[in-house]
Amino acid sequence: MTSIDAPASLPSTASRSFPADTTSGPLGTASGPTGTASGSAGTASAPVGTAPSAVAPAELHGPVLAWFDRHARDLPWRRPEAGAWGVMVSEFMLQQTPVVRVLPVYEQWLARWPRPADLAAEPPGEAVRAWGRLGYPRRALRLHAAAVAIRDRHRGDVPNDHGQLLALPGIGEYTAAAVASFAYGQRHAVLDTNVRRVFARAASGVQYPPNATTAAERRLARALLPDDEGTAARWAAASMELGALVCTAKNEDCGRCPIADRCAWLNSGKPAHDGPPRRGQTYAGTDRQVRGRLLAVLRDAPGPVPQSALDAVWDEPIQRGRALDGLVSDGLVEPLDGGRYRLPLT
């Protein structure tokens, strides 16, 4: 999220997970037609993004927004004082990472770097160090690069123009739309995993959206947007929160859902997912785990560390070498003379 002066009436974001980094996240604004495609009601094989029910978008807006007013979580990036920078930081951190893990890192980050220029003045390695164990640490480098661009191109203020946001390093369609919507109250389709799941069930009658965002989903999201900018921004946050708290991937609580009586999937008997297998994420024993252990050594060290300190964290030398090479290639680690390594300074 992002917002220099987010309207106090607009809670600005929800917990979420993403299939990819900011640069490859789901498209946040639709370039296709705003109308919905036609499809068969309530069939498990109906393409996601079609609208099988006759429920008008306006019939969904009221109940979801009223539910959001009562049940939205009080999260720091939703408060007016978060500003556009606070919203943007949260958007980077919340990708593929639960809110409970983000909260302490987010608060420490904003206390240390309350504006983009504060972060831009530090070496990128300090961003990696402060990122801690949030995972996917390339996000820290991208956020640092975005801060440098904001300082150099926009006088230190997060831009409110969608095109200018999209031009920042490390910002893809999703993040640009989320920042413009949550921080500045603009009208954009904000499609994260939670929103896509809500729309798949409520409008398209299927249990899960496709593994990758489709053009049909984007058309549907645009068709469901309220016309008024402020209401559209609240709708984006509200539908995201509904997917995070009620219409979850597992153990959905239809009894608490404000649009259960209008949900195409529920009214069809909740047909089981019959598409491609859902992608699971593993961690133990993977290169990701090795990379995390290597970075932990570097984060905890006040200066460069010798190769021997890195060798001690993982027994298998081939996998350890591959993980270290990947960190160097990604710009997360700098090799030095004498077999030493450090977090990046440039």
Foldseek 3Di string as FASTA:
>chain_A
DFAQFFPQVAQAADFAEFPDFQAPTAAWFAPDAQDADDWDFQDQPTAQLHFNDPDALVVVLVLLLVVCVVDPDDAPCRGRNCGGLLVLVCVLLRYRAGPVVVRVLSVVVCVQPVFLVSLLVAFLLVLLLSSAPSAPSLSSVQSNQLSVCCVVPVVRHQDLDLVVQCPGGRHHNQSSNSSNLRHVLFAIRRDGQLLSQQSCFLGVQHRHHDPGDDSSNNSSSSNSADPDSNSSSNSNRSSSNCSVPASDSPPHNLVPDSCSVRTSNVVSVNDHNDDDDDDDDDDPPALSVLLSQQVVVQSPDPFKDAPVVSCVRDPDVVSNVVSVVVCVVSQQWDADPPRIIHGGRD
